[in-house]
Amino acid sequence: MQQQNQNHMGSFVRVKKAVLVAPSEPTPSRVLPLSALDSQLFLRFTIEYLLVYTSPHGFDRDAAVTRVKAALARALVPFYPLAGRVRARPDGTGLEVLCRAQGAGFIEAVSDYSASDFEVAPMFVTQWRNLLSVEVFKPVPPLVVQLTWLVDGSATLGVGFSHCICDGIGSSQFLNLFAELATGRVRLGDFEPKPIWDRHLLDPTDSAPAPMTNVGTKHPEFVRFPDLSGFVSRFSQEELSPTSITFDKTWLNELKKLAVLTCGQLSELPYTSFELLCGHIWKSWARALNLSGKQVLKLLFSINIRNRVKPSLPAGYYGNAFVLGCAQTSAKDLAEKGLGYASGLVRKAKERVGDEYVREVVESVSSSSGVSPDSVGVLIISQWSRLGLDRVDFGMGRPVHVGSICTDRYCLLLPVHDQMDAVKVMVAVPISAVDRYEFFIRSPYY
């Protein structure tokens, strides 16, 4: 199969080969139900990772392709649902996976990009789109892997996971097994933790709480507020400009000092780096957009519930095991009050989540009304910096860049190569606000 894509920067990506890779051993033939959390409408998309590797001089590409494809086939044995196909349940109550070893997608491609092209933000949202050409498969499998050789001898690995099947932690679990099999660092039978399906653990139960009647006070993520600022049209009609900025340990310590100065009351515990970064990004983003002071703004972020539910989920559970934390305030308060205020809202949103909270969400998203998050006034932040993606080594060393195929309106916190305490922040903002955003994000004291 030959496919060449050209963008207006002059760079190209040419697909050399696209094949389906089945599990290397027989796997169960069955239909597996996805959980109520897995089946949410807002998760029906593909998680798209982009890992960039520099390879040594004289690296054998053909041997690497053979090794990666074989490792993919072996990794699909315990993770066989990723070789199946997602479909709606016949009764319309959610989604399920038809497991017949149909296979995951594997693509080999070449490009005139070089590793240094990924040291800065892309020029536009979809610039790197063709480094994961999932559309060459019809239908698109739940897992697609694209290995692209770059002009300087480096390589990118684009990986797409159906978000309905796994969350960030689950996808990282698979990627680390996949990589360790490719390098021979582990045998399939020795890998821990073993993947666990058990999606019924996050389905409604007879003893679950009734669907939420007080949704506005306990679960603001599902409440819809009026659009007072043309927010939706601005994000849908205006060109978005990707940004990238790295916060090292020194900068994070400065944010901690600023938060203490502006929190209004002494916090019992210092703010975490996550709380500080979320507060600072949210404030900078809101100020840059210059919205009506009365506009309700929400910051949504994933909260891992594996150890927040009772009993805890088993180790190896790779389904969607998160709910959305929601910090909420007015544009006026977010802009005028200090970093301590914004970071405190993030902390309170985290503290609200316990077993009962999770069960209320499960019950409500699976009810006939099917609540889902709104997009008006919303910034979503995903923390990829703690997933272990920076350790995924397929034999070319650890990745020098970890990010997303497309830098979009969803803000990503990413690991930084060889800087354990640093975090890279990538998000796209309307082009009319990008200069203001970059000024505020770099000027926390302003």
Protein backbone atom coordinates (compact mmCIF):
# COMPACT_ATOMS: atom_id res chain seq x y z
CA MET A 1 0.00 0.00 0.00
CA GLN A 2 1.40 3.38 -0.99
CA GLN A 3 0.13 6.59 0.51
CA GLN A 4 1.83 9.96 0.51
CA ASN A 5 0.58 12.98 2.40
CA GLN A 6 1.96 16.47 1.89
CA ASN A 7 1.32 19.42 4.19
CA HIS A 8 1.92 23.07 3.46
CA MET A 9 5.20 23.01 5.43
CA GLY A 10 6.69 20.81 2.70
CA SER A 11 7.12 17.75 4.93
CA PHE A 12 5.73 14.43 3.81
CA VAL A 13 4.85 11.06 5.32
CA ARG A 14 4.69 8.08 2.96
CA VAL A 15 3.12 4.82 4.07
CA LYS A 16 5.20 1.86 2.90
CA LYS A 17 3.13 -0.95 4.39
CA ALA A 18 -0.08 -1.30 6.41
CA VAL A 19 -1.07 -4.71 7.75
CA LEU A 20 -3.24 -6.25 10.44
CA VAL A 21 -1.30 -8.11 13.16
CA ALA A 22 -3.15 -10.90 14.95
CA PRO A 23 -2.21 -12.31 18.38
CA SER A 24 0.70 -14.77 18.08
CA GLU A 25 -1.22 -17.49 19.95
CA PRO A 26 -4.89 -18.56 20.00
CA THR A 27 -7.03 -16.22 22.12
CA PRO A 28 -10.60 -16.55 23.43
CA SER A 29 -13.38 -15.97 20.90
CA ARG A 30 -16.06 -14.10 22.81
CA VAL A 31 -18.01 -10.88 23.25
CA LEU A 32 -16.83 -8.75 26.19
CA PRO A 33 -19.01 -5.98 27.62
CA LEU A 34 -17.46 -2.59 28.29
CA SER A 35 -18.31 -0.83 31.55
CA ALA A 36 -20.62 2.13 32.05
CA LEU A 37 -17.55 4.38 32.35
CA ASP A 38 -15.99 2.88 29.20
CA SER A 39 -19.18 3.48 27.22
CA GLN A 40 -19.49 7.22 27.90
CA LEU A 41 -20.07 9.27 24.77
CA PHE A 42 -17.16 11.61 25.45
CA LEU A 43 -14.70 8.67 25.44
CA ARG A 44 -15.58 7.48 21.94
CA PHE A 45 -12.37 8.65 20.35
CA THR A 46 -8.75 7.53 19.96
CA ILE A 47 -5.93 8.29 22.42
CA GLU A 48 -3.04 9.18 20.10
CA TYR A 49 0.51 9.06 21.44
CA LEU A 50 3.59 10.30 19.59
CA LEU A 51 6.97 9.01 20.77
CA VAL A 52 10.17 10.24 19.08
CA TYR A 53 13.37 8.18 19.17
CA THR A 54 16.94 8.80 18.04
CA SER A 55 18.58 5.64 16.78
CA PRO A 56 22.31 4.84 16.63
CA HIS A 57 24.26 5.04 13.37
CA GLY A 58 23.90 1.89 11.31
CA PHE A 59 20.65 0.88 13.03
CA ASP A 60 19.03 -2.07 11.18
CA ARG A 61 15.54 -0.84 10.26
CA ASP A 62 14.32 -4.11 8.74
CA ALA A 63 15.30 -6.06 11.85
CA ALA A 64 13.60 -3.43 14.02
CA VAL A 65 10.34 -3.68 12.05
CA THR A 66 10.38 -7.47 12.33
CA ARG A 67 11.08 -7.27 16.06
CA VAL A 68 8.36 -4.67 16.75
CA LYS A 69 5.71 -6.54 14.75
CA ALA A 70 6.54 -9.81 16.54
CA ALA A 71 6.37 -8.08 19.92
CA LEU A 72 3.01 -6.55 19.00
CA ALA A 73 1.64 -10.00 18.13
CA ARG A 74 2.86 -11.41 21.45
CA ALA A 75 1.55 -8.47 23.51
CA LEU A 76 -1.89 -8.96 21.94
CA VAL A 77 -2.18 -12.41 23.52
CA PRO A 78 -2.92 -11.19 27.09
CA PHE A 79 -4.42 -7.94 25.72
CA TYR A 80 -6.51 -9.74 23.09
CA PRO A 81 -9.50 -7.32 23.25
CA LEU A 82 -7.22 -4.75 21.53
CA ALA A 83 -7.24 -7.11 18.53
CA GLY A 84 -11.07 -7.20 18.54
CA ARG A 85 -13.62 -4.67 17.34
CA VAL A 86 -15.75 -2.27 19.41
CA ARG A 87 -19.46 -2.16 18.65
CA ALA A 88 -22.72 -1.06 20.23
CA ARG A 89 -24.56 -3.62 22.32
CA PRO A 90 -27.72 -4.93 20.64
CA ASP A 91 -29.90 -3.49 23.43
CA GLY A 92 -28.31 -0.04 23.06
CA THR A 93 -27.18 0.14 26.70
CA GLY A 94 -23.49 0.63 25.97
CA LEU A 95 -20.56 -0.84 24.08
CA GLU A 96 -18.95 -4.25 23.79
CA VAL A 97 -15.89 -5.79 22.13
CA LEU A 98 -16.24 -8.60 19.60
CA CYS A 99 -13.10 -10.69 20.09
CA ARG A 100 -12.26 -12.83 17.06
CA ALA A 101 -8.52 -12.06 16.78
CA GLN A 102 -9.23 -9.65 13.93
CA GLY A 103 -5.93 -7.90 14.61
CA ALA A 104 -4.36 -4.57 15.46
CA GLY A 105 -3.09 -2.23 12.76
CA PHE A 106 0.64 -1.90 12.02
CA ILE A 107 2.01 0.71 9.62
CA GLU A 108 5.57 1.34 8.44
CA ALA A 109 6.22 4.75 6.91
CA VAL A 110 9.00 7.14 5.95
CA SER A 111 9.14 10.92 6.31
CA ASP A 112 11.44 13.90 5.78
CA TYR A 113 10.90 15.09 9.35
CA SER A 114 13.89 14.96 11.69
CA ALA A 115 13.95 14.51 15.46
CA SER A 116 14.70 18.21 16.01
CA ASP A 117 11.33 19.15 14.43
CA PHE A 118 9.62 17.90 17.59
CA GLU A 119 11.59 20.08 20.01
CA VAL A 120 9.06 22.88 19.54
CA ALA A 121 5.29 23.01 19.16
CA PRO A 122 3.88 22.18 15.72
CA MET A 123 2.98 25.13 13.50
CA PHE A 124 -0.66 24.06 13.37
CA VAL A 125 -2.89 21.56 15.17
CA THR A 126 -2.76 18.76 12.58
CA GLN A 127 0.83 19.17 11.36
CA TRP A 128 1.84 15.73 12.68
CA ARG A 129 -1.47 14.07 11.83
CA ASN A 130 0.02 11.69 9.25
CA LEU A 131 2.42 10.13 11.75
CA LEU A 132 -0.56 7.97 12.75
CA SER A 133 -2.62 7.22 9.64
CA VAL A 134 -5.40 5.23 11.28
CA GLU A 135 -7.74 5.91 8.34
CA VAL A 136 -5.87 3.39 6.13
CA PHE A 137 -7.82 0.68 7.98
CA LYS A 138 -11.56 0.24 7.48
CA PRO A 139 -12.92 -0.14 10.10
CA VAL A 140 -10.26 1.35 12.38
CA PRO A 141 -9.01 -1.30 14.87
CA PRO A 142 -8.93 -0.45 18.61
CA LEU A 143 -5.12 -0.36 18.39
CA VAL A 144 -3.00 1.07 15.57
CA VAL A 145 0.81 1.37 15.67
CA GLN A 146 2.79 3.38 13.10
CA LEU A 147 6.58 3.25 12.94
CA THR A 148 7.90 6.12 10.82
CA TRP A 149 11.54 6.44 9.83
CA LEU A 150 12.81 10.03 9.74
CA VAL A 151 15.32 11.60 7.39
CA ASP A 152 18.05 11.88 10.06
CA GLY A 153 17.88 8.20 11.01
CA SER A 154 15.53 8.81 13.94
CA ALA A 155 12.03 7.35 14.22
CA THR A 156 8.59 8.13 15.55
CA LEU A 157 6.14 5.69 16.99
CA GLY A 158 2.52 6.79 16.73
CA VAL A 159 0.11 4.69 18.77
CA GLY A 160 -3.66 4.97 18.77
CA PHE A 161 -5.85 3.29 21.40
CA SER A 162 -9.63 3.25 21.43
CA HIS A 163 -10.36 5.20 24.62
CA CYS A 164 -13.43 3.02 25.19
CA ILE A 165 -11.15 0.04 25.91
CA CYS A 166 -8.46 1.62 28.07
CA ASP A 167 -7.50 4.79 29.89
CA GLY A 168 -4.04 6.39 30.05
CA ILE A 169 -2.80 4.05 32.77
CA GLY A 170 -4.12 1.01 30.91
CA SER A 171 -2.57 2.07 27.61
CA SER A 172 0.78 2.67 29.30
CA GLN A 173 0.59 -0.80 30.84
CA PHE A 174 0.24 -2.26 27.34
CA LEU A 175 2.97 -0.06 25.83
CA ASN A 176 5.52 -1.04 28.44
CA LEU A 177 4.81 -4.75 27.90
CA PHE A 178 5.00 -4.24 24.12
CA ALA A 179 8.38 -2.48 24.42
CA GLU A 180 9.87 -4.98 26.86
CA LEU A 181 8.88 -7.85 24.56
CA ALA A 182 10.50 -6.03 21.63
CA THR A 183 13.83 -5.77 23.47
CA GLY A 184 13.63 -9.18 25.14
CA ARG A 185 13.83 -7.65 28.62
CA VAL A 186 10.84 -9.72 29.76
CA ARG A 187 9.12 -12.94 28.82
CA LEU A 188 5.39 -12.87 28.27
CA GLY A 189 4.64 -15.17 31.19
CA ASP A 190 6.72 -13.11 33.62
CA PHE A 191 5.12 -9.72 33.01
CA GLU A 192 3.34 -8.13 35.99
CA PRO A 193 0.70 -7.07 36.65
CA LYS A 194 -1.32 -9.37 34.41
CA PRO A 195 -4.04 -7.50 32.48
CA ILE A 196 -7.47 -7.77 34.12
CA TRP A 197 -10.78 -7.21 32.24
CA ASP A 198 -13.46 -7.32 35.02
CA ARG A 199 -15.42 -4.36 33.57
CA HIS A 200 -18.47 -5.30 35.68
CA LEU A 201 -16.68 -3.72 38.65
CA LEU A 202 -17.56 -0.28 37.27
CA ASP A 203 -21.15 -1.01 36.29
CA PRO A 204 -24.20 0.03 38.32
CA THR A 205 -25.17 -2.33 41.15
CA ASP A 206 -28.47 -2.99 42.91
CA SER A 207 -27.11 -1.19 45.96
CA ALA A 208 -25.77 1.79 43.98
CA PRO A 209 -27.08 5.28 44.73
CA ALA A 210 -29.94 6.56 42.64
CA PRO A 211 -29.00 8.78 39.68
CA MET A 212 -27.98 12.22 40.85
CA THR A 213 -30.72 14.69 41.68
CA ASN A 214 -28.28 17.21 43.16
CA VAL A 215 -26.00 17.11 40.12
CA GLY A 216 -25.27 20.85 40.30
CA THR A 217 -23.74 20.82 43.77
CA LYS A 218 -21.96 17.46 43.83
CA HIS A 219 -21.09 16.99 40.15
CA PRO A 220 -20.63 20.36 38.46
CA GLU A 221 -18.84 18.71 35.51
CA PHE A 222 -22.26 17.68 34.17
CA VAL A 223 -23.97 21.06 34.58
CA ARG A 224 -24.53 23.26 31.54
CA PHE A 225 -23.98 27.01 31.81
CA PRO A 226 -24.90 29.74 29.33
CA ASP A 227 -22.27 30.83 26.82
CA LEU A 228 -21.90 34.54 27.61
CA SER A 229 -18.72 35.09 25.59
CA GLY A 230 -19.12 33.31 22.25
CA PHE A 231 -16.86 30.60 23.68
CA VAL A 232 -18.10 27.71 21.53
CA SER A 233 -18.00 29.61 18.24
CA ARG A 234 -14.55 30.98 19.02
CA PHE A 235 -13.06 27.54 19.54
CA SER A 236 -14.87 26.00 16.58
CA GLN A 237 -14.39 28.80 14.02
CA GLU A 238 -11.08 30.42 14.91
CA GLU A 239 -7.76 28.80 14.04
CA LEU A 240 -6.08 27.27 17.08
CA SER A 241 -2.37 27.84 17.62
CA PRO A 242 -0.33 25.11 19.41
CA THR A 243 1.95 26.16 22.26
CA SER A 244 4.65 24.38 24.23
CA ILE A 245 6.41 25.50 27.39
CA THR A 246 8.55 23.55 29.87
CA PHE A 247 8.42 24.09 33.63
CA ASP A 248 11.58 22.89 35.36
CA LYS A 249 12.05 22.36 39.09
CA THR A 250 13.16 25.97 39.68
CA TRP A 251 10.06 27.34 38.01
CA LEU A 252 7.76 24.96 39.89
CA ASN A 253 9.32 26.13 43.16
CA GLU A 254 8.56 29.74 42.18
CA LEU A 255 4.92 28.79 41.63
CA LYS A 256 4.84 27.21 45.10
CA LYS A 257 6.08 30.46 46.65
CA LEU A 258 3.52 32.47 44.71
CA ALA A 259 0.68 30.16 45.75
CA VAL A 260 1.57 30.58 49.43
CA LEU A 261 1.58 34.36 49.03
CA THR A 262 -1.82 34.40 47.33
CA CYS A 263 -3.85 31.62 48.92
CA GLY A 264 -5.55 33.95 51.44
CA GLN A 265 -5.17 31.43 54.22
CA LEU A 266 -2.41 29.06 55.22
CA SER A 267 -2.77 25.66 53.60
CA GLU A 268 -2.20 22.67 55.86
CA LEU A 269 -0.18 20.96 53.13
CA PRO A 270 1.91 22.50 50.34
CA TYR A 271 0.23 22.41 46.97
CA THR A 272 1.35 19.59 44.68
CA SER A 273 3.06 20.38 41.39
CA PHE A 274 -0.11 19.21 39.62
CA GLU A 275 -2.33 21.58 41.62
CA LEU A 276 0.05 24.48 41.00
CA LEU A 277 0.45 23.86 37.28
CA CYS A 278 -3.28 23.36 36.77
CA GLY A 279 -4.04 26.58 38.62
CA HIS A 280 -1.42 28.57 36.71
CA ILE A 281 -2.38 27.19 33.28
CA TRP A 282 -6.09 27.74 33.95
CA LYS A 283 -5.55 31.34 35.08
CA SER A 284 -3.28 32.13 32.13
CA TRP A 285 -5.69 30.56 29.63
CA ALA A 286 -8.70 32.43 31.07
CA ARG A 287 -6.93 35.79 31.17
CA ALA A 288 -5.70 35.34 27.61
CA LEU A 289 -9.23 34.65 26.32
CA ASN A 290 -10.49 37.87 27.96
CA LEU A 291 -13.98 36.47 28.62
CA SER A 292 -16.97 38.11 30.25
CA GLY A 293 -16.36 38.33 34.01
CA LYS A 294 -19.64 36.53 34.63
CA GLN A 295 -18.76 33.55 32.42
CA VAL A 296 -18.62 30.32 34.45
CA LEU A 297 -15.36 28.51 33.78
CA LYS A 298 -14.56 24.90 34.55
CA LEU A 299 -11.30 23.01 34.69
CA LEU A 300 -11.78 19.28 34.10
CA PHE A 301 -9.09 16.68 34.79
CA SER A 302 -8.92 12.93 35.23
CA ILE A 303 -8.83 11.44 38.73
CA ASN A 304 -7.62 7.84 38.96
CA ILE A 305 -10.17 5.88 41.03
CA ARG A 306 -8.37 2.53 41.21
CA ASN A 307 -7.69 3.06 44.92
CA ARG A 308 -10.59 5.42 45.67
CA VAL A 309 -13.35 2.84 45.26
CA LYS A 310 -14.10 0.15 47.84
CA PRO A 311 -12.80 -2.43 47.37
CA SER A 312 -9.92 -1.15 45.25
CA LEU A 313 -9.76 -2.29 41.64
CA PRO A 314 -7.38 -5.20 41.01
CA ALA A 315 -3.84 -4.47 39.84
CA GLY A 316 -3.76 -4.84 36.08
CA TYR A 317 -7.23 -3.35 35.49
CA TYR A 318 -6.72 -1.48 32.23
CA GLY A 319 -10.19 -0.12 31.54
CA ASN A 320 -11.35 3.44 32.13
CA ALA A 321 -10.89 3.86 35.86
CA PHE A 322 -11.20 7.61 36.23
CA VAL A 323 -13.82 10.25 36.82
CA LEU A 324 -13.58 13.93 36.01
CA GLY A 325 -12.50 16.29 38.74
CA CYS A 326 -14.07 19.70 38.24
CA ALA A 327 -12.85 23.06 39.54
CA GLN A 328 -15.34 25.85 38.87
CA THR A 329 -15.42 29.62 39.27
CA SER A 330 -16.20 32.83 37.39
CA ALA A 331 -13.82 34.31 34.82
CA LYS A 332 -13.60 37.44 37.02
CA ASP A 333 -12.57 35.56 40.16
CA LEU A 334 -10.13 33.33 38.30
CA ALA A 335 -8.41 36.34 36.71
CA GLU A 336 -8.35 38.59 39.78
CA LYS A 337 -7.67 36.16 42.61
CA GLY A 338 -4.24 34.64 43.10
CA LEU A 339 -2.66 31.35 42.14
CA GLY A 340 -3.42 29.98 45.62
CA TYR A 341 -7.15 30.43 44.93
CA ALA A 342 -7.04 28.54 41.62
CA SER A 343 -4.81 25.75 42.99
CA GLY A 344 -7.10 25.45 46.02
CA LEU A 345 -10.09 24.86 43.74
CA VAL A 346 -8.17 22.06 42.02
CA ARG A 347 -7.33 20.48 45.38
CA LYS A 348 -10.95 20.64 46.56
CA ALA A 349 -12.11 18.97 43.34
CA LYS A 350 -9.69 16.10 43.98
CA GLU A 351 -10.77 15.75 47.61
CA ARG A 352 -14.44 15.34 46.69
CA VAL A 353 -13.83 12.03 44.92
CA GLY A 354 -14.45 8.89 46.96
CA ASP A 355 -16.34 5.62 46.55
CA GLU A 356 -19.82 7.15 46.83
CA TYR A 357 -18.93 9.93 44.39
CA VAL A 358 -17.72 7.35 41.83
CA ARG A 359 -20.82 5.18 42.24
CA GLU A 360 -23.05 8.22 41.64
CA VAL A 361 -21.20 8.96 38.41
CA VAL A 362 -21.42 5.32 37.28
CA GLU A 363 -25.16 5.22 37.95
CA SER A 364 -25.80 8.52 36.21
CA VAL A 365 -23.77 7.94 33.04
CA SER A 366 -25.52 4.59 32.58
CA SER A 367 -29.03 5.98 33.12
CA SER A 368 -31.40 6.66 30.23
CA SER A 369 -30.66 10.39 30.43
CA GLY A 370 -26.91 9.67 30.07
CA VAL A 371 -25.29 12.78 31.55
CA SER A 372 -22.09 14.03 29.92
CA PRO A 373 -19.72 16.98 30.40
CA ASP A 374 -20.44 20.31 28.72
CA SER A 375 -17.86 22.20 26.63
CA VAL A 376 -18.86 25.82 27.39
CA GLY A 377 -16.12 27.58 29.36
CA VAL A 378 -14.21 24.33 29.79
CA LEU A 379 -10.47 23.64 29.78
CA ILE A 380 -9.51 19.96 29.99
CA ILE A 381 -6.08 18.98 31.35
CA SER A 382 -4.64 15.47 30.96
CA GLN A 383 -1.61 14.43 32.97
CA TRP A 384 0.55 12.22 30.75
CA SER A 385 3.71 13.06 32.68
CA ARG A 386 3.12 10.28 35.25
CA LEU A 387 2.11 7.44 32.90
CA GLY A 388 5.61 6.06 32.33
CA LEU A 389 5.53 6.88 28.60
CA ASP A 390 9.06 8.30 28.90
CA ARG A 391 10.29 4.79 29.78
CA VAL A 392 8.90 3.06 26.67
CA ASP A 393 12.05 1.73 24.97
CA PHE A 394 11.76 -0.45 21.85
CA GLY A 395 15.52 -0.86 21.46
CA MET A 396 16.31 2.72 20.36
CA GLY A 397 16.62 4.09 23.88
CA ARG A 398 14.04 6.14 25.72
CA PRO A 399 12.00 8.63 23.70
CA VAL A 400 13.41 12.15 23.36
CA HIS A 401 9.88 13.52 22.95
CA VAL A 402 6.54 12.29 24.29
CA GLY A 403 3.36 14.00 23.18
CA SER A 404 0.18 13.74 21.20
CA ILE A 405 -0.22 13.34 17.45
CA CYS A 406 -2.33 16.52 17.42
CA THR A 407 -1.82 19.45 19.79
CA ASP A 408 -5.41 20.56 20.31
CA ARG A 409 -7.53 22.51 22.79
CA TYR A 410 -7.02 19.76 25.40
CA CYS A 411 -4.02 20.65 27.53
CA LEU A 412 -1.40 17.95 28.08
CA LEU A 413 1.17 17.72 30.88
CA LEU A 414 4.08 15.76 29.41
CA PRO A 415 7.35 14.25 30.65
CA VAL A 416 10.61 15.91 29.61
CA HIS A 417 13.53 13.84 28.37
CA ASP A 418 16.30 13.55 31.00
CA GLN A 419 14.56 16.00 33.37
CA MET A 420 12.67 13.96 35.93
CA ASP A 421 11.25 16.98 37.79
CA ALA A 422 10.26 18.98 34.69
CA VAL A 423 6.86 19.09 32.95
CA LYS A 424 6.12 20.20 29.39
CA VAL A 425 2.75 21.90 28.86
CA MET A 426 1.22 21.70 25.38
CA VAL A 427 -2.14 23.21 24.43
CA ALA A 428 -3.64 25.00 21.43
CA VAL A 429 -5.46 28.30 22.00
CA PRO A 430 -7.33 30.60 19.59
CA ILE A 431 -4.80 32.47 17.49
CA SER A 432 -6.16 35.83 18.68
CA ALA A 433 -5.24 34.88 22.26
CA VAL A 434 -1.97 33.00 21.78
CA ASP A 435 0.38 35.95 22.42
CA ARG A 436 -1.48 36.88 25.61
CA TYR A 437 -1.49 33.23 26.76
CA GLU A 438 2.26 32.86 26.23
CA PHE A 439 2.86 36.13 28.09
CA PHE A 440 0.73 35.15 31.11
CA ILE A 441 2.01 31.57 31.27
CA ARG A 442 5.61 32.89 31.36
CA SER A 443 4.78 35.75 33.76
CA PRO A 444 3.13 34.25 36.87
CA TYR A 445 3.78 37.39 38.95
CA TYR A 446 2.10 39.73 36.45
